[in-house]
C-alpha atoms as a PDB file:
ATOM      1  CA  UNK A   1      38.793 146.473 103.860  1.00  0.00           C
ATOM      2  CA  UNK A   2      37.297 143.062 103.180  1.00  0.00           C
ATOM      3  CA  UNK A   3      39.186 140.158 101.623  1.00  0.00           C
ATOM      4  CA  UNK A   4      37.169 140.469  98.394  1.00  0.00           C
ATOM      5  CA  UNK A   5      37.893 144.200  97.997  1.00  0.00           C
ATOM      6  CA  UNK A   6      41.602 143.655  98.681  1.00  0.00           C
ATOM      7  CA  UNK A   7      41.804 140.893  96.042  1.00  0.00           C
ATOM      8  CA  UNK A   8      39.894 143.063  93.542  1.00  0.00           C
ATOM      9  CA  UNK A   9      42.311 145.934  94.173  1.00  0.00           C
ATOM     10  CA  UNK A  10      45.293 143.628  93.566  1.00  0.00           C
ATOM     11  CA  UNK A  11      43.734 142.290  90.346  1.00  0.00           C
ATOM     12  CA  UNK A  12      43.068 145.827  89.098  1.00  0.00           C
ATOM     13  CA  UNK A  13      46.666 146.881  89.778  1.00  0.00           C
ATOM     14  CA  UNK A  14      47.999 143.728  88.068  1.00  0.00           C
ATOM     15  CA  UNK A  15      45.833 144.368  85.001  1.00  0.00           C
ATOM     16  CA  UNK A  16      47.215 147.914  84.747  1.00  0.00           C
ATOM     17  CA  UNK A  17      50.817 146.625  85.292  1.00  0.00           C
ATOM     18  CA  UNK A  18      51.350 149.059  88.167  1.00  0.00           C
ATOM     19  CA  UNK A  19      52.711 146.648  90.790  1.00  0.00           C
ATOM     20  CA  UNK A  20      56.466 146.997  91.365  1.00  0.00           C
ATOM     21  CA  UNK A  21      56.681 144.497  94.206  1.00  0.00           C
ATOM     22  CA  UNK A  22      54.467 142.413  96.440  1.00  0.00           C
ATOM     23  CA  UNK A  23      55.449 140.869  99.782  1.00  0.00           C
ATOM     24  CA  UNK A  24      53.835 139.164 102.763  1.00  0.00           C
ATOM     25  CA  UNK A  25      55.511 139.188 106.181  1.00  0.00           C
ATOM     26  CA  UNK A  26      54.642 137.788 109.596  1.00  0.00           C
ATOM     27  CA  UNK A  27      54.184 140.292 112.416  1.00  0.00           C
ATOM     28  CA  UNK A  28      56.945 140.296 115.019  1.00  0.00           C
ATOM     29  CA  UNK A  29      56.036 139.077 118.472  1.00  0.00           C
ATOM     30  CA  UNK A  30      52.351 138.460 117.765  1.00  0.00           C
ATOM     31  CA  UNK A  31      50.188 136.420 115.401  1.00  0.00           C
ATOM     32  CA  UNK A  32      49.186 137.942 112.081  1.00  0.00           C
ATOM     33  CA  UNK A  33      50.540 139.006 108.694  1.00  0.00           C
ATOM     34  CA  UNK A  34      51.130 142.188 106.745  1.00  0.00           C
ATOM     35  CA  UNK A  35      50.788 142.228 102.973  1.00  0.00           C
ATOM     36  CA  UNK A  36      52.441 145.080 101.087  1.00  0.00           C
ATOM     37  CA  UNK A  37      52.144 146.278  97.501  1.00  0.00           C
ATOM     38  CA  UNK A  38      54.383 148.933  96.005  1.00  0.00           C
ATOM     39  CA  UNK A  39      52.714 150.510  92.994  1.00  0.00           C
ATOM     40  CA  UNK A  40      53.760 153.096  90.413  1.00  0.00           C
ATOM     41  CA  UNK A  41      51.314 155.824  89.415  1.00  0.00           C
ATOM     42  CA  UNK A  42      51.673 159.047  87.420  1.00  0.00           C
ATOM     43  CA  UNK A  43      51.624 160.901  90.769  1.00  0.00           C
ATOM     44  CA  UNK A  44      54.460 158.817  92.268  1.00  0.00           C
ATOM     45  CA  UNK A  45      55.170 155.579  94.131  1.00  0.00           C
ATOM     46  CA  UNK A  46      52.771 154.338  96.796  1.00  0.00           C
ATOM     47  CA  UNK A  47      52.921 151.485  99.285  1.00  0.00           C
ATOM     48  CA  UNK A  48      49.588 149.865 100.130  1.00  0.00           C
ATOM     49  CA  UNK A  49      49.653 147.765 103.305  1.00  0.00           C
ATOM     50  CA  UNK A  50      47.012 145.463 104.734  1.00  0.00           C
ATOM     51  CA  UNK A  51      47.575 144.067 108.214  1.00  0.00           C
ATOM     52  CA  UNK A  52      45.544 141.044 109.299  1.00  0.00           C
ATOM     53  CA  UNK A  53      45.630 139.903 112.909  1.00  0.00           C
ATOM     54  CA  UNK A  54      43.307 138.230 115.417  1.00  0.00           C
ATOM     55  CA  UNK A  55      41.248 140.478 117.669  1.00  0.00           C
ATOM     56  CA  UNK A  56      42.898 141.083 121.036  1.00  0.00           C
ATOM     57  CA  UNK A  57      40.539 140.152 123.859  1.00  0.00           C
ATOM     58  CA  UNK A  58      42.622 140.852 126.960  1.00  0.00           C
ATOM     59  CA  UNK A  59      46.088 141.284 128.423  1.00  0.00           C
ATOM     60  CA  UNK A  60      46.954 139.638 131.697  1.00  0.00           C
ATOM     61  CA  UNK A  61      50.024 140.481 133.797  1.00  0.00           C
ATOM     62  CA  UNK A  62      51.681 137.457 135.395  1.00  0.00           C
ATOM     63  CA  UNK A  63      53.999 138.278 138.283  1.00  0.00           C
ATOM     64  CA  UNK A  64      55.234 137.097 141.631  1.00  0.00           C
ATOM     65  CA  UNK A  65      55.291 139.040 144.916  1.00  0.00           C
ATOM     66  CA  UNK A  66      58.942 138.173 145.465  1.00  0.00           C
ATOM     67  CA  UNK A  67      61.526 140.914 145.204  1.00  0.00           C
ATOM     68  CA  UNK A  68      63.230 141.406 141.843  1.00  0.00           C
ATOM     69  CA  UNK A  69      60.794 139.059 140.100  1.00  0.00           C
ATOM     70  CA  UNK A  70      59.940 139.658 136.472  1.00  0.00           C
ATOM     71  CA  UNK A  71      56.562 140.534 135.047  1.00  0.00           C
ATOM     72  CA  UNK A  72      55.261 138.735 131.992  1.00  0.00           C
ATOM     73  CA  UNK A  73      52.260 139.921 129.980  1.00  0.00           C
ATOM     74  CA  UNK A  74      50.048 137.257 128.451  1.00  0.00           C
ATOM     75  CA  UNK A  75      47.858 138.421 125.564  1.00  0.00           C
ATOM     76  CA  UNK A  76      44.644 136.542 124.809  1.00  0.00           C
ATOM     77  CA  UNK A  77      43.445 136.586 121.185  1.00  0.00           C
ATOM     78  CA  UNK A  78      40.097 135.639 119.648  1.00  0.00           C
ATOM     79  CA  UNK A  79      40.441 132.560 117.446  1.00  0.00           C
ATOM     80  CA  UNK A  80      37.537 133.406 115.122  1.00  0.00           C
ATOM     81  CA  UNK A  81      37.540 137.194 114.668  1.00  0.00           C
ATOM     82  CA  UNK A  82      40.132 138.966 112.501  1.00  0.00           C
ATOM     83  CA  UNK A  83      41.018 142.664 112.323  1.00  0.00           C
ATOM     84  CA  UNK A  84      42.189 144.231 109.044  1.00  0.00           C
ATOM     85  CA  UNK A  85      44.008 147.586 108.870  1.00  0.00           C
ATOM     86  CA  UNK A  86      44.626 149.276 105.511  1.00  0.00           C
ATOM     87  CA  UNK A  87      47.256 152.024 105.142  1.00  0.00           C
ATOM     88  CA  UNK A  88      48.614 154.053 102.233  1.00  0.00           C
ATOM     89  CA  UNK A  89      52.111 155.544 102.191  1.00  0.00           C
ATOM     90  CA  UNK A  90      53.736 157.822  99.630  1.00  0.00           C
ATOM     91  CA  UNK A  91      57.455 157.684  98.802  1.00  0.00           C
ATOM     92  CA  UNK A  92      59.186 161.016  99.333  1.00  0.00           C
ATOM     93  CA  UNK A  93      62.253 161.334  97.048  1.00  0.00           C
ATOM     94  CA  UNK A  94      63.576 164.238  99.130  1.00  0.00           C
ATOM     95  CA  UNK A  95      63.860 162.233 102.360  1.00  0.00           C
ATOM     96  CA  UNK A  96      64.027 158.749 100.789  1.00  0.00           C
ATOM     97  CA  UNK A  97      61.334 157.548 103.237  1.00  0.00           C
ATOM     98  CA  UNK A  98      57.734 156.359 103.129  1.00  0.00           C
ATOM     99  CA  UNK A  99      55.277 158.975 104.454  1.00  0.00           C
ATOM    100  CA  UNK A 100      51.904 157.765 105.719  1.00  0.00           C
ATOM    101  CA  UNK A 101      48.952 159.558 104.116  1.00  0.00           C
ATOM    102  CA  UNK A 102      46.194 160.835 106.385  1.00  0.00           C
ATOM    103  CA  UNK A 103      42.737 159.642 105.207  1.00  0.00           C
ATOM    104  CA  UNK A 104      41.217 162.980 106.277  1.00  0.00           C
ATOM    105  CA  UNK A 105      42.973 164.647 103.329  1.00  0.00           C
ATOM    106  CA  UNK A 106      41.195 162.468 100.749  1.00  0.00           C
ATOM    107  CA  UNK A 107      38.106 163.951  99.088  1.00  0.00           C
ATOM    108  CA  UNK A 108      35.450 162.142  97.120  1.00  0.00           C
END
């Protein structure tokens, strides 16, 4: 999902007064952010998430040949290219948890 489509979706939800909460968090242990919207619809509550992170180019293992040495993994990211992942989750009142919806079940 592009930045423009994401902003248009947020504006549409704000105009309809469907947004319950909106939050942006940093990803743990790697660069990038995740933006979450919790919206109310007649069908139920949904959580829309958009993760933005730099494209991962390579992972390099750094180690020593000495006994009992530790291995460190260095990840190399692209500074210009970003990856965006969009997910939709539905709140299940029975289990009190968010359940990720499979895009294959959507029909147009």
